Amino acid sequence: MLLLSLPFVATLGLILWRTPVPLTEAVAILEDVAQYDVTRFLVPDTSYYRPVFYLTMSAIWHGAGHGAASLDTRLALIKLVQIGAVGALFALFVSHLRPRTLLEAGAAAAAVAVLAGSPGFQDNLEIPLSYTTVGMPVALGVLMLLERRATWVHGPLIVALTLLAVGFKEQGLVIVPVVLVAWWAGAPGVTRRTAVVLGSLSVAYVVIRLTARREGLPLFEQAIGLGFTQMEPSEAAARFGTFPYGIYAYNGLATILNVLFAEPTRGVFRLTRLLMGGALDWWCVVQFTSSAAVTALIAWRGTRIVRDAVRNGWSHEARVYAMLVAALLACGALSFDYSRDRLGGMALVFYAVAAFHALHAALARAADAPRARAVAAGIALMTLTGMWQTRTFATLEYARYTADVNQRQWLTMLPERRREFAARPVYLGIMDSMVEQGTNPSTAHRTRYPARVNRVLGMP
């Protein structure tokens, strides 16, 4: 399975390596780490608090020396953080599934495609925004620890990994309810002490974040989607400012549904809108059908296994479904302010593991069925796997498309940026030093597929 996964991971890593560090947002991040002392990033008085991420960027920036060669080193190390996290995610995923039979290998291959082809993975591939890309293998590492017999090192390691994930992005808090549910369900790798410590630390973190900003948090940080449209923060505040809790619940539900059905995107039901407008394309069918089918299999298998676990005791598989529910609810709660595909990334790890167990159960049942029914079930499962493999190709094309977009920004937005940031010499200096990498002709570019192929992959 590692060998089968290697071509995808290696190709994606090469694309990310040849992707320019983007002009938007990346230069501002590098400006911060260049001009601020590292202690500045430890103060939780900002809307987005990611101390470990900024400490990592600061260590890269200040530890690479000076001069043109040091810039290349810095940008290379920034890319390697993202590439290394992707490689670690798939290596840990296959190691955790550990297929031993042909049926398990088939289910594992499909589960790898579920992980690689989901929006929650695709939307987290932007460089240098490795927030959740680091958090996903960390969550998987915690899951692996939870299912191994506890030793003296388990508790400190689980706490340290959780703090690492939260330090990269607050979505790392998803690990906390997952650990608590695993402890309640009798996971061998977590003790009551670890559960209490982790719960206490998470409560303290939330209290500090809510009270650290003197001026309070804005109602809406970014544009939000609602139904078939999207609105800017000012419009959302004017519309929902007196009672924002309804739209908060909508945003959370939208993130959960995106993990389960690849719809809505950014809170907007774009597939439904295309269907109502008579413009439904093949990529819509592939994305929604494949996600809905896997979700239905997880619901079918999970309901039976959890019901049996309540009566007869919890198994590893039953705990996976319970942890998935906890992760989904936590992702939804943490995305109350706005919904994005990337915000479901932490739950995607548990979704893909649950997909493996559900697909394996479906394959085993099909193998034991009468011949005609077994053939029909086999064809259906092969078709489903084919759809997900198509989505893994779409992930590669999405990464190439992102590289194209980044280069176009460097080619078209420089004059406007120089005027806009004329009073920020550090920003201008960093931006000007990065022009060469942003306009390098060796940038990854989209594959020139025929129009029909692009329609299936969902590429413009």
Protein backbone atom coordinates (compact mmCIF):
# COMPACT_ATOMS: atom_id res chain seq x y z
CA MET A 1 0.00 0.00 0.00
CA LEU A 2 2.90 2.35 0.69
CA LEU A 3 4.28 1.61 -2.77
CA LEU A 4 0.86 2.14 -4.36
CA SER A 5 0.49 5.47 -2.57
CA LEU A 6 4.00 6.64 -3.41
CA PRO A 7 3.34 7.88 -7.00
CA PHE A 8 0.56 10.18 -5.82
CA VAL A 9 2.50 11.50 -2.82
CA ALA A 10 5.71 11.97 -4.84
CA THR A 11 3.88 13.74 -7.67
CA LEU A 12 2.05 16.03 -5.27
CA GLY A 13 5.31 16.77 -3.44
CA LEU A 14 7.01 17.68 -6.74
CA ILE A 15 4.12 19.98 -7.67
CA LEU A 16 4.29 21.73 -4.29
CA TRP A 17 8.08 22.07 -4.66
CA ARG A 18 7.59 23.80 -8.03
CA THR A 19 4.76 26.02 -6.74
CA PRO A 20 5.73 29.68 -6.19
CA VAL A 21 5.27 31.00 -2.68
CA PRO A 22 2.22 33.23 -3.27
CA LEU A 23 2.21 37.00 -3.25
CA THR A 24 -1.00 37.30 -1.25
CA GLU A 25 -0.80 36.52 2.45
CA ALA A 26 2.61 34.80 2.31
CA VAL A 27 4.59 38.04 2.03
CA ALA A 28 2.66 39.50 4.97
CA ILE A 29 3.47 36.42 7.08
CA LEU A 30 7.16 36.71 6.22
CA GLU A 31 7.05 40.43 6.99
CA ASP A 32 5.77 39.64 10.48
CA VAL A 33 8.45 37.05 11.22
CA ALA A 34 11.15 39.34 9.81
CA GLN A 35 10.34 42.38 11.93
CA TYR A 36 8.85 41.02 15.17
CA ASP A 37 10.53 39.30 18.07
CA VAL A 38 9.37 35.71 18.58
CA THR A 39 7.73 36.66 21.89
CA ARG A 40 5.22 38.72 19.90
CA PHE A 41 3.68 35.55 18.50
CA LEU A 42 3.04 34.13 21.97
CA VAL A 43 0.62 36.90 22.93
CA PRO A 44 -2.98 35.69 22.29
CA ASP A 45 -4.48 39.10 21.45
CA THR A 46 -5.17 38.53 17.74
CA SER A 47 -8.11 37.00 15.90
CA TYR A 48 -5.87 34.27 14.51
CA TYR A 49 -3.54 32.79 17.13
CA ARG A 50 -1.02 30.34 15.67
CA PRO A 51 2.12 30.62 17.82
CA VAL A 52 3.86 27.38 16.84
CA PHE A 53 3.33 28.06 13.14
CA TYR A 54 4.84 31.53 13.45
CA LEU A 55 7.68 30.27 15.63
CA THR A 56 8.43 27.70 12.89
CA MET A 57 8.38 30.38 10.18
CA SER A 58 10.54 32.65 12.35
CA ALA A 59 13.11 29.89 12.95
CA ILE A 60 13.29 29.26 9.20
CA TRP A 61 13.56 32.95 8.36
CA HIS A 62 16.20 33.89 10.92
CA GLY A 63 18.13 30.64 10.80
CA ALA A 64 18.96 30.63 7.09
CA GLY A 65 21.53 33.43 7.12
CA HIS A 66 21.58 36.40 4.75
CA GLY A 67 21.82 37.05 1.04
CA ALA A 68 20.17 35.68 -2.10
CA ALA A 69 21.13 32.09 -1.33
CA SER A 70 19.51 32.33 2.10
CA LEU A 71 16.21 33.39 0.51
CA ASP A 72 16.18 30.24 -1.62
CA THR A 73 16.93 28.20 1.50
CA ARG A 74 14.13 29.86 3.44
CA LEU A 75 11.55 29.29 0.74
CA ALA A 76 12.72 25.71 0.25
CA LEU A 77 12.35 24.97 3.97
CA ILE A 78 8.90 26.57 4.03
CA LYS A 79 7.82 24.28 1.19
CA LEU A 80 9.39 21.26 2.91
CA VAL A 81 7.19 21.84 5.97
CA GLN A 82 4.12 21.39 3.77
CA ILE A 83 5.58 18.53 1.72
CA GLY A 84 6.84 16.72 4.82
CA ALA A 85 3.44 16.98 6.49
CA VAL A 86 1.74 15.49 3.42
CA GLY A 87 4.23 12.62 3.27
CA ALA A 88 3.86 11.94 6.99
CA LEU A 89 0.07 11.93 6.70
CA PHE A 90 -0.05 9.18 4.07
CA ALA A 91 2.76 7.13 5.62
CA LEU A 92 1.03 7.16 9.01
CA PHE A 93 -2.36 6.49 7.43
CA VAL A 94 -1.22 3.35 5.64
CA SER A 95 0.76 2.23 8.69
CA HIS A 96 -2.32 2.61 10.85
CA LEU A 97 -4.59 0.68 8.46
CA ARG A 98 -1.95 -2.05 8.07
CA PRO A 99 -3.83 -4.17 5.48
CA ARG A 100 -3.07 -7.88 5.80
CA THR A 101 -5.47 -9.49 3.30
CA LEU A 102 -6.54 -8.78 -0.26
CA LEU A 103 -9.90 -7.40 0.89
CA GLU A 104 -8.20 -5.13 3.42
CA ALA A 105 -5.79 -3.94 0.73
CA GLY A 106 -8.70 -3.06 -1.56
CA ALA A 107 -10.45 -1.16 1.23
CA ALA A 108 -7.18 0.59 2.13
CA ALA A 109 -6.60 1.68 -1.47
CA ALA A 110 -10.07 3.20 -1.56
CA ALA A 111 -9.54 4.86 1.84
CA VAL A 112 -6.28 6.44 0.65
CA ALA A 113 -8.21 7.84 -2.32
CA VAL A 114 -10.88 9.18 0.06
CA LEU A 115 -8.18 10.99 2.03
CA ALA A 116 -6.42 12.33 -1.06
CA GLY A 117 -9.53 13.33 -3.00
CA SER A 118 -11.56 15.12 -0.33
CA PRO A 119 -12.00 18.91 -0.25
CA GLY A 120 -10.66 19.02 3.31
CA PHE A 121 -7.29 17.81 2.01
CA GLN A 122 -7.22 19.75 -1.26
CA ASP A 123 -7.99 23.07 0.38
CA ASN A 124 -5.10 22.72 2.85
CA LEU A 125 -2.32 22.44 0.27
CA GLU A 126 -1.62 26.17 -0.05
CA ILE A 127 1.94 27.24 0.71
CA PRO A 128 2.98 28.44 3.30
CA LEU A 129 -0.33 27.86 5.11
CA SER A 130 0.59 24.50 6.60
CA TYR A 131 -1.69 24.99 9.62
CA THR A 132 -4.00 22.00 9.20
CA THR A 133 -1.67 20.00 6.96
CA VAL A 134 0.53 19.59 10.03
CA GLY A 135 -2.46 19.03 12.32
CA MET A 136 -3.82 16.11 10.25
CA PRO A 137 -0.86 13.71 10.70
CA VAL A 138 -0.67 14.82 14.34
CA ALA A 139 -4.32 13.78 14.81
CA LEU A 140 -3.58 10.47 13.13
CA GLY A 141 -0.58 9.97 15.40
CA VAL A 142 -2.80 10.57 18.43
CA LEU A 143 -5.29 8.02 17.09
CA MET A 144 -2.52 5.46 16.76
CA LEU A 145 -1.40 6.11 20.34
CA LEU A 146 -4.96 5.79 21.61
CA GLU A 147 -5.23 2.27 20.21
CA ARG A 148 -1.97 1.00 21.71
CA ARG A 149 -1.53 -0.13 25.30
CA ALA A 150 -0.68 2.86 27.47
CA THR A 151 2.85 3.34 28.78
CA TRP A 152 4.34 6.15 30.86
CA VAL A 153 5.11 8.11 27.69
CA HIS A 154 1.60 7.97 26.17
CA GLY A 155 0.06 10.72 28.29
CA PRO A 156 2.81 13.34 27.84
CA LEU A 157 3.09 12.52 24.14
CA ILE A 158 -0.65 12.86 23.50
CA VAL A 159 -0.70 16.20 25.34
CA ALA A 160 2.41 17.43 23.48
CA LEU A 161 0.99 16.44 20.08
CA THR A 162 -2.29 18.17 20.88
CA LEU A 163 -0.48 21.36 21.88
CA LEU A 164 1.53 21.17 18.65
CA ALA A 165 -1.64 20.90 16.54
CA VAL A 166 -3.38 23.71 18.45
CA GLY A 167 -0.23 25.83 18.14
CA PHE A 168 -0.36 25.53 14.37
CA LYS A 169 -4.08 26.30 14.26
CA GLU A 170 -6.97 26.32 16.70
CA GLN A 171 -8.57 23.48 14.69
CA GLY A 172 -6.15 21.28 16.60
CA LEU A 173 -8.64 21.45 19.45
CA VAL A 174 -10.58 18.79 17.56
CA ILE A 175 -8.17 16.27 19.09
CA VAL A 176 -9.44 17.02 22.61
CA PRO A 177 -13.02 15.67 22.28
CA VAL A 178 -11.65 12.79 20.22
CA VAL A 179 -9.36 11.78 23.11
CA LEU A 180 -12.15 12.23 25.64
CA VAL A 181 -14.52 10.03 23.62
CA ALA A 182 -11.78 7.42 23.17
CA TRP A 183 -11.14 7.36 26.92
CA TRP A 184 -14.88 7.02 27.64
CA ALA A 185 -15.05 4.15 25.13
CA GLY A 186 -12.18 2.30 26.79
CA ALA A 187 -9.28 3.01 24.41
CA PRO A 188 -6.19 1.27 25.81
CA GLY A 189 -3.79 4.14 25.13
CA VAL A 190 -5.34 6.89 27.26
CA THR A 191 -5.78 7.15 31.02
CA ARG A 192 -8.16 9.24 33.09
CA ARG A 193 -5.28 11.51 34.10
CA THR A 194 -4.44 12.28 30.46
CA ALA A 195 -8.11 12.97 29.69
CA VAL A 196 -8.41 15.34 32.67
CA VAL A 197 -5.18 17.19 31.84
CA LEU A 198 -6.13 17.57 28.18
CA GLY A 199 -9.66 18.72 29.01
CA SER A 200 -8.37 21.26 31.55
CA LEU A 201 -5.81 22.66 29.13
CA SER A 202 -8.41 23.06 26.39
CA VAL A 203 -10.81 24.89 28.72
CA ALA A 204 -7.98 27.19 29.82
CA TYR A 205 -7.05 27.85 26.18
CA VAL A 206 -10.61 28.79 25.22
CA VAL A 207 -10.99 31.10 28.23
CA ILE A 208 -7.70 32.85 27.45
CA ARG A 209 -8.63 33.30 23.79
CA LEU A 210 -12.03 34.73 24.63
CA THR A 211 -10.70 37.19 27.21
CA ALA A 212 -7.30 38.18 25.79
CA ARG A 213 -8.55 40.76 23.27
CA ARG A 214 -9.66 43.90 25.03
CA GLU A 215 -11.72 45.14 22.11
CA GLY A 216 -13.40 41.76 21.73
CA LEU A 217 -13.73 39.55 18.67
CA PRO A 218 -15.58 40.71 15.52
CA LEU A 219 -18.85 39.01 14.68
CA PHE A 220 -17.53 37.81 11.32
CA GLU A 221 -13.88 37.54 10.31
CA GLN A 222 -14.32 36.59 6.65
CA ALA A 223 -16.95 36.38 3.95
CA ILE A 224 -19.59 33.74 4.61
CA GLY A 225 -21.75 31.69 2.28
CA LEU A 226 -25.47 31.28 2.78
CA GLY A 227 -27.60 29.17 0.46
CA PHE A 228 -26.58 30.08 -3.08
CA THR A 229 -24.81 33.39 -2.35
CA GLN A 230 -21.86 34.78 -0.42
CA MET A 231 -21.76 37.96 1.66
CA GLU A 232 -18.96 40.11 3.02
CA PRO A 233 -18.42 40.48 6.80
CA SER A 234 -19.99 43.95 6.90
CA GLU A 235 -23.12 42.73 5.12
CA ALA A 236 -23.33 39.69 7.40
CA ALA A 237 -22.93 41.86 10.50
CA ALA A 238 -25.71 44.20 9.34
CA ARG A 239 -28.00 41.28 8.59
CA PHE A 240 -27.29 38.98 11.55
CA GLY A 241 -25.64 41.28 14.08
CA THR A 242 -28.49 41.24 16.60
CA PHE A 243 -28.70 37.43 16.68
CA PRO A 244 -25.75 35.73 14.91
CA TYR A 245 -26.25 32.29 16.46
CA GLY A 246 -28.43 31.02 13.63
CA ILE A 247 -25.82 31.80 10.99
CA TYR A 248 -23.13 30.43 13.31
CA ALA A 249 -25.00 27.12 13.41
CA TYR A 250 -25.37 27.21 9.62
CA ASN A 251 -21.63 27.73 9.16
CA GLY A 252 -20.80 24.80 11.45
CA LEU A 253 -23.30 22.53 9.71
CA ALA A 254 -21.95 23.56 6.31
CA THR A 255 -18.44 22.46 7.30
CA ILE A 256 -19.74 19.09 8.56
CA LEU A 257 -21.76 18.52 5.38
CA ASN A 258 -18.74 19.35 3.25
CA VAL A 259 -16.77 16.54 4.90
CA LEU A 260 -19.64 14.10 4.42
CA PHE A 261 -20.96 15.11 0.98
CA ALA A 262 -18.46 17.58 -0.59
CA GLU A 263 -21.33 20.07 -0.54
CA PRO A 264 -21.70 22.97 0.29
CA THR A 265 -18.43 24.71 -0.55
CA ARG A 266 -17.56 27.77 1.54
CA GLY A 267 -21.16 27.62 2.76
CA VAL A 268 -22.57 27.89 -0.78
CA PHE A 269 -24.59 25.01 -2.27
CA ARG A 270 -22.97 25.27 -5.67
CA LEU A 271 -23.85 21.72 -6.86
CA THR A 272 -27.49 22.29 -5.95
CA ARG A 273 -27.42 25.65 -7.73
CA LEU A 274 -25.98 24.05 -10.87
CA LEU A 275 -28.62 21.30 -10.73
CA MET A 276 -31.45 23.81 -10.40
CA GLY A 277 -29.99 25.83 -13.26
CA GLY A 278 -29.69 22.80 -15.53
CA ALA A 279 -25.89 23.15 -15.70
CA LEU A 280 -24.93 20.04 -13.72
CA ASP A 281 -21.64 18.63 -15.01
CA TRP A 282 -19.82 15.31 -14.60
CA TRP A 283 -17.56 16.58 -11.82
CA CYS A 284 -20.67 17.35 -9.76
CA VAL A 285 -21.89 13.78 -10.19
CA VAL A 286 -18.49 12.30 -9.34
CA GLN A 287 -17.92 14.43 -6.23
CA PHE A 288 -21.34 14.23 -4.66
CA THR A 289 -22.10 10.61 -5.56
CA SER A 290 -18.77 9.26 -4.32
CA SER A 291 -18.93 11.23 -1.05
CA ALA A 292 -22.57 10.34 -0.42
CA ALA A 293 -21.92 6.64 -1.09
CA VAL A 294 -18.98 6.45 1.35
CA THR A 295 -20.92 8.40 3.96
CA ALA A 296 -23.85 6.00 3.54
CA LEU A 297 -21.52 3.01 4.01
CA ILE A 298 -20.03 4.59 7.13
CA ALA A 299 -23.51 5.24 8.51
CA TRP A 300 -24.59 1.66 7.70
CA ARG A 301 -21.59 0.04 9.30
CA GLY A 302 -21.15 2.54 12.12
CA THR A 303 -24.74 2.30 13.32
CA ARG A 304 -24.52 -1.48 13.62
CA ILE A 305 -21.09 -1.57 15.25
CA VAL A 306 -21.78 1.19 17.78
CA ARG A 307 -25.13 -0.36 18.70
CA ASP A 308 -23.38 -3.67 19.36
CA ALA A 309 -20.61 -1.90 21.29
CA VAL A 310 -23.10 -0.29 23.67
CA ARG A 311 -24.37 -3.78 24.56
CA ASN A 312 -21.18 -5.86 24.39
CA GLY A 313 -18.26 -3.48 24.85
CA TRP A 314 -16.28 -1.15 22.62
CA SER A 315 -13.94 -2.41 19.91
CA HIS A 316 -11.32 -0.46 17.95
CA GLU A 317 -13.67 -0.13 14.98
CA ALA A 318 -16.57 1.08 17.14
CA ARG A 319 -14.34 3.73 18.73
CA VAL A 320 -13.36 4.99 15.26
CA TYR A 321 -17.00 5.79 14.45
CA ALA A 322 -17.50 7.46 17.82
CA MET A 323 -14.34 9.52 17.37
CA LEU A 324 -15.50 10.52 13.87
CA VAL A 325 -18.74 11.92 15.30
CA ALA A 326 -16.78 13.84 17.94
CA ALA A 327 -14.36 15.22 15.32
CA LEU A 328 -17.19 16.31 13.02
CA LEU A 329 -19.02 18.12 15.80
CA ALA A 330 -15.80 19.78 16.95
CA CYS A 331 -14.93 20.92 13.42
CA GLY A 332 -18.42 22.34 13.06
CA ALA A 333 -18.19 24.20 16.38
CA LEU A 334 -14.77 25.65 15.52
CA SER A 335 -15.98 26.90 12.12
CA PHE A 336 -18.95 28.83 13.54
CA ASP A 337 -17.68 32.15 12.18
CA TYR A 338 -17.32 31.05 8.54
CA SER A 339 -17.23 27.78 6.62
CA ARG A 340 -14.34 26.66 4.43
CA ASP A 341 -13.43 23.27 3.00
CA ARG A 342 -10.09 23.34 4.84
CA LEU A 343 -11.80 23.65 8.22
CA GLY A 344 -12.99 20.04 7.94
CA GLY A 345 -9.47 18.70 7.48
CA MET A 346 -9.04 17.49 11.06
CA ALA A 347 -12.26 15.44 10.86
CA LEU A 348 -11.26 14.09 7.43
CA VAL A 349 -8.56 11.93 9.04
CA PHE A 350 -11.16 10.04 11.08
CA TYR A 351 -13.59 10.00 8.15
CA ALA A 352 -11.00 8.24 5.97
CA VAL A 353 -10.20 5.66 8.68
CA ALA A 354 -13.93 5.02 9.16
CA ALA A 355 -14.26 4.67 5.37
CA PHE A 356 -11.64 1.91 5.42
CA HIS A 357 -13.58 -0.11 8.01
CA ALA A 358 -16.92 0.43 6.25
CA LEU A 359 -15.54 -0.46 2.81
CA HIS A 360 -13.82 -3.56 4.19
CA ALA A 361 -17.10 -4.68 5.77
CA ALA A 362 -18.93 -4.09 2.48
CA LEU A 363 -16.30 -6.05 0.52
CA ALA A 364 -16.42 -8.93 3.00
CA ARG A 365 -20.20 -9.06 2.81
CA ALA A 366 -20.12 -8.99 -0.99
CA ALA A 367 -17.58 -11.82 -1.05
CA ASP A 368 -19.92 -14.02 1.02
CA ALA A 369 -23.04 -13.19 -1.00
CA PRO A 370 -24.54 -15.37 -3.77
CA ARG A 371 -22.66 -15.09 -7.06
CA ALA A 372 -24.96 -12.65 -8.89
CA ARG A 373 -25.27 -10.36 -5.89
CA ALA A 374 -21.52 -10.54 -5.24
CA VAL A 375 -20.76 -9.54 -8.84
CA ALA A 376 -23.19 -6.61 -8.67
CA ALA A 377 -21.77 -5.44 -5.35
CA GLY A 378 -18.22 -5.82 -6.66
CA ILE A 379 -18.99 -3.71 -9.72
CA ALA A 380 -20.62 -1.04 -7.56
CA LEU A 381 -17.65 -0.90 -5.18
CA MET A 382 -15.16 -0.80 -8.08
CA THR A 383 -17.12 2.07 -9.63
CA LEU A 384 -17.07 3.91 -6.31
CA THR A 385 -13.32 3.39 -5.96
CA GLY A 386 -12.85 4.61 -9.54
CA MET A 387 -14.71 7.82 -8.72
CA TRP A 388 -12.45 8.45 -5.74
CA GLN A 389 -9.35 7.72 -7.82
CA THR A 390 -10.61 10.31 -10.29
CA ARG A 391 -10.80 12.77 -7.41
CA THR A 392 -7.18 12.05 -6.48
CA PHE A 393 -6.19 13.09 -10.01
CA ALA A 394 -8.31 16.20 -9.49
CA THR A 395 -6.27 16.96 -6.36
CA LEU A 396 -3.08 16.92 -8.41
CA GLU A 397 -4.65 19.20 -11.01
CA TYR A 398 -5.93 21.49 -8.27
CA ALA A 399 -2.37 21.79 -6.94
CA ARG A 400 -1.09 22.61 -10.44
CA TYR A 401 -3.89 25.12 -10.90
CA THR A 402 -2.89 26.78 -7.62
CA ALA A 403 0.70 27.05 -8.88
CA ASP A 404 -0.59 28.75 -12.04
CA VAL A 405 -2.69 31.18 -10.01
CA ASN A 406 0.26 32.04 -7.77
CA GLN A 407 2.45 32.82 -10.76
CA ARG A 408 -0.24 34.96 -12.40
CA GLN A 409 -0.47 37.00 -9.20
CA TRP A 410 3.26 37.70 -9.32
CA LEU A 411 2.99 38.71 -12.97
CA THR A 412 -0.04 40.99 -12.64
CA MET A 413 -0.31 42.33 -9.09
CA LEU A 414 3.17 43.74 -8.38
CA PRO A 415 2.52 47.38 -9.41
CA GLU A 416 -0.67 47.52 -7.35
CA ARG A 417 1.06 45.97 -4.33
CA ARG A 418 3.97 48.41 -4.54
CA ARG A 419 1.53 51.31 -4.39
CA GLU A 420 -0.59 49.77 -1.63
CA PHE A 421 2.36 48.94 0.66
CA ALA A 422 4.60 51.90 -0.17
CA ALA A 423 4.80 52.82 3.55
CA ARG A 424 5.97 49.33 4.59
CA PRO A 425 9.62 48.97 3.54
CA VAL A 426 10.05 45.51 5.07
CA TYR A 427 7.10 44.20 3.08
CA LEU A 428 8.40 45.78 -0.13
CA GLY A 429 11.89 44.40 0.42
CA ILE A 430 10.66 40.86 0.94
CA MET A 431 8.25 41.09 -1.99
CA ASP A 432 10.92 42.39 -4.38
CA SER A 433 13.36 39.67 -3.30
CA MET A 434 10.75 37.00 -4.12
CA VAL A 435 9.83 38.19 -7.61
CA GLU A 436 12.26 35.82 -9.32
CA GLN A 437 10.82 32.70 -7.65
CA GLY A 438 7.30 33.93 -8.35
CA THR A 439 7.92 34.35 -12.08
CA ASN A 440 10.20 31.36 -12.61
CA PRO A 441 9.22 29.55 -15.86
CA SER A 442 9.82 26.15 -14.21
CA THR A 443 6.63 26.60 -12.16
CA ALA A 444 4.24 23.65 -12.22
CA HIS A 445 1.49 24.13 -14.80
CA ARG A 446 -1.79 22.42 -15.42
CA THR A 447 -1.87 19.36 -17.62
CA ARG A 448 -3.45 20.05 -21.02
CA TYR A 449 -6.26 17.53 -20.77
CA PRO A 450 -9.10 17.52 -23.32
CA ALA A 451 -12.16 19.54 -22.32
CA ARG A 452 -14.11 16.37 -21.49
CA VAL A 453 -11.48 15.28 -18.98
CA ASN A 454 -11.46 18.72 -17.35
CA ARG A 455 -15.24 18.51 -17.04
CA VAL A 456 -14.92 15.25 -15.10
CA LEU A 457 -12.14 16.65 -12.89
CA GLY A 458 -14.05 19.88 -12.24
CA MET A 459 -11.28 22.11 -13.57
CA PRO A 460 -12.04 25.36 -15.42
